[in-house]
Amino acid sequence: MAKELSIPRCLIALDESIDPEHSKNADREDVVLELRYSQMASLLDMSARSALTTAVDVALLEKNQGRMAQGQPPLASYYRDYALLQEVTKAASKKQCAGLTVAHTMRVSEIRPSSVTSFFTVGLAQGLYDTGDLVAFPLEESEHITSDEPPCTTAASAADATEATAARHTPPPLPPSPSSVAEEAPEKALCPDAIRLDISLEEALLVADGSAAAKEAARRAAVGHAQWLLAHWTASQQRRHPEVSFQLVEGSKVRITIAGGASGSVDATVVQAADEQWRKAVASALKKIDVEDLGDMSAPSLLSTIPDEDAAGRGMRDLRKIEKELSVTVVFGDDGHLLLVGAMPKLTKKCFVLRNLLSHYHWRLSGRDVAFEEMTAK
């Protein structure tokens, strides 16, 4: 948006003491001034900062209580930092500049309660700005697809960063990927004494007497866990155990096949021991792995918009490289949901470049690539 309007940008990032990666991974195209969250916060008086922080904490608690009641996991811890960055930036900008225009990339009625953007209601309630300061980026109704993760905050677009270009592009065909393609391999004939074990990850995540929402969340998390295992765990296990092969079946079941010799039969105690051994191994591998559900982002369509490589270095090859370096997996679910799977410290502190890449193409999918003439005409 700033580029199409020929507006130089001011980048406002979190202080390194809050997140050392935020400024490092920020987009600095056409940036002429860079400030930190603490500098913006210093423009507000102590009572206003304290009231805003308390209000954000209360809003976050209420959102998490609502999500838990629906069987959903709480919002990630970094939501608080982003919400404060967002609201402090807007309040301080209005005070310093004697005016403010907040350009949301969606209409107010379309903003999801699980998004960082939704915390704008806190700023409104605190009287830091009013509804007259909010402007929705115009889209056709059919093009509304919301995003949970604004990559950074700028004075040009305080709540959501938007990249506008003249036209969409048609990406080349994508290569198969273990993290986006979960097709089942054809069955193979087993040796007479081979052992086949099916480990259901969904069963391990289900809570007794859980609601329908909780069961759906467990199913989705199980798919994420299964694809993470295939992408980052099974290869090392096969090197250690050449006789073992792994296969994903029914979306979230890991099938482990252990080749046998030529004895023609397998003792039940041997099968039981193998089952216990591999269930423990899988549980140990997933012990510190979390699944972050970014929501319904039309994942299959989103996947099709990401080229193998683009001129800005934001393509599928870059995505796969980041996945490998951080041992995380991006899951483009058939149900439309986009999942990030990996160790929580990696998800919260190391995945900003990955989130920016996904957000960039999600904005394009959502119809944010609007020609300057069309945008100003509306």
Foldseek 3Di string as FASTA:
>chain_A
DCVLVVHQWEFEWEDVVVEVCQVVQDDRVSHPHYYYLVVLLVLDDPVLLVLLLVLLVVLQVVLQVVQVVLQHHRQFPCLSVLLSSLLSLQLSCCVVVVAAAAEAQADPVLDDSQASLVSVVSSCVSVSDHPVNYDYQDDDPVLDFDFRDALGAIRVHRRHDFDAAADADQADDDDDDLQADQDWDDDDDAALAKAKDKDAQLVVQDDPPDDPSSSVNSLVFLLQLQSLCVVFPQVVVCVVQVQWDWTDDPRRIIMIMGHDDRPRYYDPVVNVVVNVVVVVVSCVVCVQKDKDKRDQLQLVVLLSRFHCADPVGQGPVSLVVLCVVLSWGWYSDPVRIIMIMDGSVCVVRPCSNVVVSSVNSSSVSSVSHHNSVVSVVD
